[in-house]
Amino acid sequence: MTIGYGLLGVYRAVAVKVMSPRPAKAGIRSDASRVRGSRLIKIALTDYSRCHNRPMSQEMTTSQGGSIKVRADNSVYKGPLIGGAPLIVIGTLRIGFRVAAGRGTSVGAGWAGLVVSILAVVVPLVWFAGGLAMRRAKAGIVLDDGVLSVRDRWGRLVLQTLESDVTGLHKVRIPVDGNHKDRVVITSLEDTPLVLDPRLWEQESLQRLFDQLTAPPAQAPVRERGSLSWSAFRTLFPGAKVPWRQVHYGWFTSFVVILGIAYVSFFVNLSYFV
């Protein structure tokens, strides 16, 4: 109990310090400081009430739709992997037996070659499956007690803002290679715009989230931006992050091909030294 009231006192002290006017350029920054201070107070009190199971006052609770949690959806990655599983198994065994038995004048590596060939395929698959499991466990979008929080595949908090501070949901098509160009950009008053790929999230709960953000109190408008060049995208959404592999798809593909060839060569030669 004492610790809880102590934390609340720290929150109040921080809020008072943030909201207090500064002697230099106080007239210019006073309004922005008060807005930023009120946001910090609200988020801090929300965290305090959640940790100590204390209900917030009605005026501090902005969301009317209850808590919404959107989990990561890995079906985009798992679908091709599961569909191609038979070919992967057959190809792995054929390569393994060929390395083990040899061909023509090439001397086979024996059972060691078969084992190494199988491991060469299994190890990346296990690594890939582990990455998907981590994303499923750590990535998420949560709207709770009027606070919108987004965590990436590593569990890092990439966005935390008040529901009432969300200013828009922008549907855009970015210039990446492939057929999946559609993205949704969430903008807010002070935070960096966040780019979401709707395919990578559970569709039903994601739609519930969008419906809640477009309803009071946020009433964020939905804007159709269409296809944008990278320059136009950066102008409209300064600071918005798009994965490097999507922006430089050609370089990324070349790197993967070179790395794949080096990887296969390493394991084929390794089988002869085991």
Protein backbone atom coordinates (compact mmCIF):
# COMPACT_ATOMS: atom_id res chain seq x y z
CA MET A 1 0.00 0.00 0.00
CA THR A 2 2.81 2.40 0.98
CA ILE A 3 4.72 1.60 -2.22
CA GLY A 4 1.57 2.19 -4.29
CA TYR A 5 0.96 5.65 -2.83
CA GLY A 6 4.66 6.40 -3.23
CA LEU A 7 4.48 5.61 -6.96
CA LEU A 8 1.41 7.79 -7.33
CA GLY A 9 3.33 10.60 -5.65
CA VAL A 10 6.19 10.19 -8.13
CA TYR A 11 3.69 10.34 -11.03
CA ARG A 12 2.25 13.57 -9.65
CA ALA A 13 5.70 15.08 -9.15
CA VAL A 14 6.73 14.25 -12.72
CA ALA A 15 3.49 15.64 -14.07
CA VAL A 16 3.86 18.91 -12.12
CA LYS A 17 7.42 19.29 -13.37
CA VAL A 18 6.42 18.66 -16.99
CA MET A 19 3.41 21.01 -16.85
CA SER A 20 5.23 23.84 -15.07
CA PRO A 21 6.12 26.71 -17.46
CA ARG A 22 9.76 27.30 -18.28
CA PRO A 23 11.32 30.76 -18.04
CA ALA A 24 12.65 30.64 -21.60
CA LYS A 25 10.03 30.86 -24.35
CA ALA A 26 7.29 30.06 -21.85
CA GLY A 27 4.62 31.73 -23.97
CA ILE A 28 5.39 29.54 -26.95
CA ARG A 29 5.75 26.19 -25.22
CA SER A 30 3.24 26.47 -22.36
CA ASP A 31 0.30 24.99 -24.30
CA ALA A 32 2.34 22.12 -25.71
CA SER A 33 3.79 21.40 -22.26
CA ARG A 34 0.33 21.26 -20.72
CA VAL A 35 -0.90 18.86 -23.41
CA ARG A 36 2.16 16.65 -23.02
CA GLY A 37 1.82 16.79 -19.25
CA SER A 38 -1.84 15.79 -19.34
CA ARG A 39 -1.00 12.83 -21.59
CA LEU A 40 1.73 11.70 -19.18
CA ILE A 41 -0.62 12.02 -16.21
CA LYS A 42 -3.32 10.00 -17.92
CA ILE A 43 -1.00 7.22 -19.08
CA ALA A 44 0.71 7.12 -15.66
CA LEU A 45 -2.59 6.89 -13.79
CA THR A 46 -3.78 4.22 -16.20
CA ASP A 47 -0.66 2.14 -15.51
CA TYR A 48 -1.04 2.74 -11.77
CA SER A 49 -4.69 1.66 -11.71
CA ARG A 50 -3.91 -1.44 -13.81
CA CYS A 51 -1.04 -2.52 -11.54
CA HIS A 52 -2.94 -1.97 -8.28
CA ASN A 53 -6.44 -2.94 -9.46
CA ARG A 54 -7.83 0.49 -8.59
CA PRO A 55 -10.66 1.80 -10.80
CA MET A 56 -10.05 5.09 -12.55
CA SER A 57 -12.57 7.89 -12.45
CA GLN A 58 -15.11 8.03 -15.28
CA GLU A 59 -13.65 11.18 -16.82
CA MET A 60 -10.22 9.55 -17.02
CA THR A 61 -11.53 6.41 -18.77
CA THR A 62 -11.98 7.36 -22.42
CA SER A 63 -12.60 4.02 -24.12
CA GLN A 64 -16.22 2.87 -24.25
CA GLY A 65 -15.58 -0.41 -26.09
CA GLY A 66 -13.70 -2.30 -23.38
CA SER A 67 -10.26 -3.81 -23.71
CA ILE A 68 -9.20 -4.96 -27.18
CA LYS A 69 -6.14 -7.12 -27.82
CA VAL A 70 -4.92 -7.91 -31.33
CA ARG A 71 -2.51 -10.83 -31.57
CA ALA A 72 0.02 -11.47 -34.31
CA ASP A 73 -1.13 -13.78 -37.11
CA ASN A 74 1.61 -15.91 -38.70
CA SER A 75 -0.58 -17.69 -41.27
CA VAL A 76 1.03 -15.63 -44.04
CA TYR A 77 4.34 -17.34 -43.25
CA LYS A 78 3.05 -20.74 -42.16
CA GLY A 79 0.83 -21.30 -45.21
CA PRO A 80 3.59 -21.56 -47.83
CA LEU A 81 5.78 -23.52 -45.42
CA ILE A 82 3.12 -26.13 -44.70
CA GLY A 83 2.13 -26.33 -48.38
CA GLY A 84 5.72 -26.90 -49.45
CA ALA A 85 6.54 -29.36 -46.64
CA PRO A 86 6.29 -32.50 -48.85
CA LEU A 87 8.66 -31.01 -51.43
CA ILE A 88 11.06 -29.93 -48.69
CA VAL A 89 11.13 -33.44 -47.18
CA ILE A 90 11.59 -35.18 -50.55
CA GLY A 91 14.26 -32.73 -51.68
CA THR A 92 16.15 -33.02 -48.40
CA LEU A 93 16.23 -36.81 -48.53
CA ARG A 94 17.32 -36.89 -52.18
CA ILE A 95 20.17 -34.49 -51.55
CA GLY A 96 21.13 -36.33 -48.37
CA PHE A 97 21.30 -39.75 -50.08
CA ARG A 98 23.24 -38.28 -53.02
CA VAL A 99 25.80 -36.68 -50.72
CA ALA A 100 26.03 -39.93 -48.75
CA ALA A 101 26.41 -42.23 -51.77
CA GLY A 102 28.29 -39.91 -54.11
CA ARG A 103 27.86 -39.74 -57.88
CA GLY A 104 30.16 -40.71 -60.73
CA THR A 105 33.74 -40.20 -59.69
CA SER A 106 32.70 -38.26 -56.61
CA VAL A 107 33.20 -40.20 -53.38
CA GLY A 108 30.22 -40.18 -51.05
CA ALA A 109 30.40 -38.94 -47.47
CA GLY A 110 28.53 -41.90 -46.02
CA TRP A 111 25.97 -41.64 -43.25
CA ALA A 112 27.61 -38.46 -42.01
CA GLY A 113 26.66 -36.80 -45.28
CA LEU A 114 23.03 -37.82 -44.86
CA VAL A 115 22.89 -36.53 -41.28
CA VAL A 116 24.58 -33.24 -42.14
CA SER A 117 22.28 -32.70 -45.14
CA ILE A 118 19.20 -33.23 -42.99
CA LEU A 119 20.52 -30.88 -40.30
CA ALA A 120 21.24 -28.26 -42.97
CA VAL A 121 17.51 -28.08 -43.63
CA VAL A 122 16.15 -28.73 -40.14
CA VAL A 123 18.23 -26.07 -38.37
CA PRO A 124 16.91 -23.11 -40.44
CA LEU A 125 13.36 -24.44 -40.14
CA VAL A 126 13.65 -24.64 -36.36
CA TRP A 127 15.11 -21.13 -36.28
CA PHE A 128 12.27 -19.87 -38.49
CA ALA A 129 9.60 -21.60 -36.37
CA GLY A 130 11.15 -20.13 -33.23
CA GLY A 131 10.96 -16.65 -34.72
CA LEU A 132 7.28 -17.12 -35.52
CA ALA A 133 6.58 -18.41 -32.01
CA MET A 134 8.35 -15.41 -30.48
CA ARG A 135 6.39 -13.01 -32.67
CA ARG A 136 3.14 -14.72 -31.69
CA ALA A 137 4.05 -14.43 -28.01
CA LYS A 138 5.50 -10.91 -27.89
CA ALA A 139 3.92 -8.83 -30.68
CA GLY A 140 0.54 -7.32 -29.97
CA ILE A 141 -1.74 -4.31 -30.15
CA VAL A 142 -3.68 -3.46 -26.99
CA LEU A 143 -6.33 -0.82 -26.41
CA ASP A 144 -7.07 -0.75 -22.69
CA ASP A 145 -8.39 2.00 -20.43
CA GLY A 146 -8.08 4.56 -23.19
CA VAL A 147 -4.41 3.83 -23.92
CA LEU A 148 -3.26 2.34 -27.23
CA SER A 149 -0.04 0.30 -27.00
CA VAL A 150 1.79 -1.55 -29.78
CA ARG A 151 4.68 -3.99 -29.35
CA ASP A 152 6.79 -5.46 -32.15
CA ARG A 153 8.07 -9.02 -32.62
CA TRP A 154 10.82 -8.42 -30.04
CA GLY A 155 8.39 -7.16 -27.43
CA ARG A 156 9.60 -3.56 -27.76
CA LEU A 157 7.03 -0.83 -27.17
CA VAL A 158 6.86 1.04 -30.49
CA LEU A 159 3.76 3.12 -29.77
CA GLN A 160 1.93 4.22 -26.64
CA THR A 161 -0.61 6.97 -26.96
CA LEU A 162 -4.03 7.94 -25.70
CA GLU A 163 -6.99 6.69 -27.68
CA SER A 164 -8.31 10.25 -27.87
CA ASP A 165 -4.98 11.40 -29.38
CA VAL A 166 -5.26 9.17 -32.47
CA THR A 167 -5.77 11.52 -35.42
CA GLY A 168 -6.30 9.17 -38.35
CA LEU A 169 -6.17 5.75 -40.00
CA HIS A 170 -4.57 6.11 -43.41
CA LYS A 171 -4.90 3.34 -46.01
CA VAL A 172 -1.94 3.49 -48.39
CA ARG A 173 -0.22 1.40 -51.04
CA ILE A 174 3.56 1.59 -50.73
CA PRO A 175 6.00 0.92 -53.61
CA VAL A 176 7.30 -2.50 -52.53
CA ASP A 177 7.80 -5.47 -54.85
CA GLY A 178 5.11 -8.13 -54.89
CA ASN A 179 1.34 -8.02 -54.67
CA HIS A 180 1.00 -7.10 -50.99
CA LYS A 181 1.41 -3.33 -50.96
CA ASP A 182 -1.51 -2.35 -48.71
CA ARG A 183 -0.68 -0.80 -45.35
CA VAL A 184 -2.52 1.11 -42.62
CA VAL A 185 -0.74 4.06 -41.00
CA ILE A 186 -1.91 5.15 -37.54
CA THR A 187 -1.20 8.80 -36.77
CA SER A 188 -1.51 10.59 -33.43
CA LEU A 189 -0.92 14.03 -31.99
CA GLU A 190 2.70 13.69 -30.88
CA ASP A 191 3.90 10.15 -31.62
CA THR A 192 5.65 8.89 -34.74
CA PRO A 193 3.24 7.41 -37.34
CA LEU A 194 3.01 3.63 -37.09
CA VAL A 195 2.83 1.45 -40.22
CA LEU A 196 0.82 -1.78 -39.96
CA ASP A 197 0.53 -4.63 -42.44
CA PRO A 198 -3.05 -5.88 -41.84
CA ARG A 199 -2.19 -9.36 -43.14
CA LEU A 200 0.09 -9.96 -40.15
CA TRP A 201 -2.59 -9.46 -37.48
CA GLU A 202 -5.75 -11.29 -36.47
CA GLN A 203 -8.39 -9.86 -38.77
CA GLU A 204 -11.44 -9.93 -36.50
CA SER A 205 -9.82 -8.24 -33.51
CA LEU A 206 -7.97 -5.78 -35.77
CA GLN A 207 -11.27 -4.70 -37.31
CA ARG A 208 -12.73 -4.27 -33.82
CA LEU A 209 -9.77 -2.04 -32.97
CA PHE A 210 -10.27 0.09 -36.07
CA ASP A 211 -14.00 0.37 -35.35
CA GLN A 212 -13.24 1.53 -31.81
CA LEU A 213 -10.68 4.12 -32.96
CA THR A 214 -13.13 5.59 -35.45
CA ALA A 215 -15.85 5.87 -32.77
CA PRO A 216 -15.95 8.40 -29.90
CA PRO A 217 -13.84 9.62 -28.16
CA ALA A 218 -11.11 9.34 -30.80
CA GLN A 219 -13.33 9.54 -33.89
CA ALA A 220 -10.22 9.11 -36.01
CA PRO A 221 -11.07 9.63 -39.68
CA VAL A 222 -10.24 6.92 -42.22
CA ARG A 223 -8.42 8.36 -45.23
CA GLU A 224 -7.72 6.62 -48.53
CA ARG A 225 -4.29 7.80 -49.66
CA GLY A 226 -3.92 5.43 -52.62
CA SER A 227 -0.53 4.56 -54.09
CA LEU A 228 2.35 6.68 -52.83
CA SER A 229 5.96 7.03 -53.88
CA TRP A 230 8.55 6.82 -51.14
CA SER A 231 9.10 10.58 -51.23
CA ALA A 232 5.37 11.26 -50.89
CA PHE A 233 5.08 8.66 -48.16
CA ARG A 234 7.89 10.21 -46.12
CA THR A 235 6.41 13.68 -46.60
CA LEU A 236 2.97 12.62 -45.37
CA PHE A 237 4.25 10.43 -42.54
CA PRO A 238 7.61 11.76 -41.31
CA GLY A 239 9.48 9.25 -39.20
CA ALA A 240 7.29 6.28 -40.16
CA LYS A 241 9.39 3.10 -40.33
CA VAL A 242 9.18 0.47 -43.06
CA PRO A 243 11.45 -2.64 -42.89
CA TRP A 244 14.66 -2.28 -44.91
CA ARG A 245 13.99 -5.55 -46.75
CA GLN A 246 10.77 -4.09 -48.16
CA VAL A 247 12.29 -0.80 -49.23
CA HIS A 248 15.35 -2.44 -50.84
CA TYR A 249 13.80 -5.69 -51.99
CA GLY A 250 16.32 -6.27 -54.80
CA TRP A 251 19.33 -5.95 -52.50
CA PHE A 252 17.64 -8.12 -49.89
CA THR A 253 16.89 -10.87 -52.44
CA SER A 254 20.47 -10.81 -53.73
CA PHE A 255 21.82 -11.05 -50.19
CA VAL A 256 19.54 -14.03 -49.39
CA VAL A 257 20.58 -15.85 -52.58
CA ILE A 258 24.32 -15.34 -51.90
CA LEU A 259 23.89 -16.36 -48.27
CA GLY A 260 21.92 -19.46 -49.31
CA ILE A 261 24.62 -20.58 -51.75
CA ALA A 262 27.32 -20.07 -49.12
CA TYR A 263 25.24 -21.96 -46.56
CA VAL A 264 24.69 -24.97 -48.82
CA SER A 265 28.36 -25.04 -49.84
CA PHE A 266 29.44 -24.96 -46.21
CA PHE A 267 27.27 -27.91 -45.18
CA VAL A 268 28.12 -29.99 -48.26
CA ASN A 269 31.83 -29.60 -47.56
CA LEU A 270 31.29 -30.08 -43.83
CA SER A 271 29.89 -33.57 -44.43
CA TYR A 272 33.30 -34.71 -45.69
CA PHE A 273 35.10 -33.56 -42.56
CA VAL A 274 32.76 -35.13 -40.00
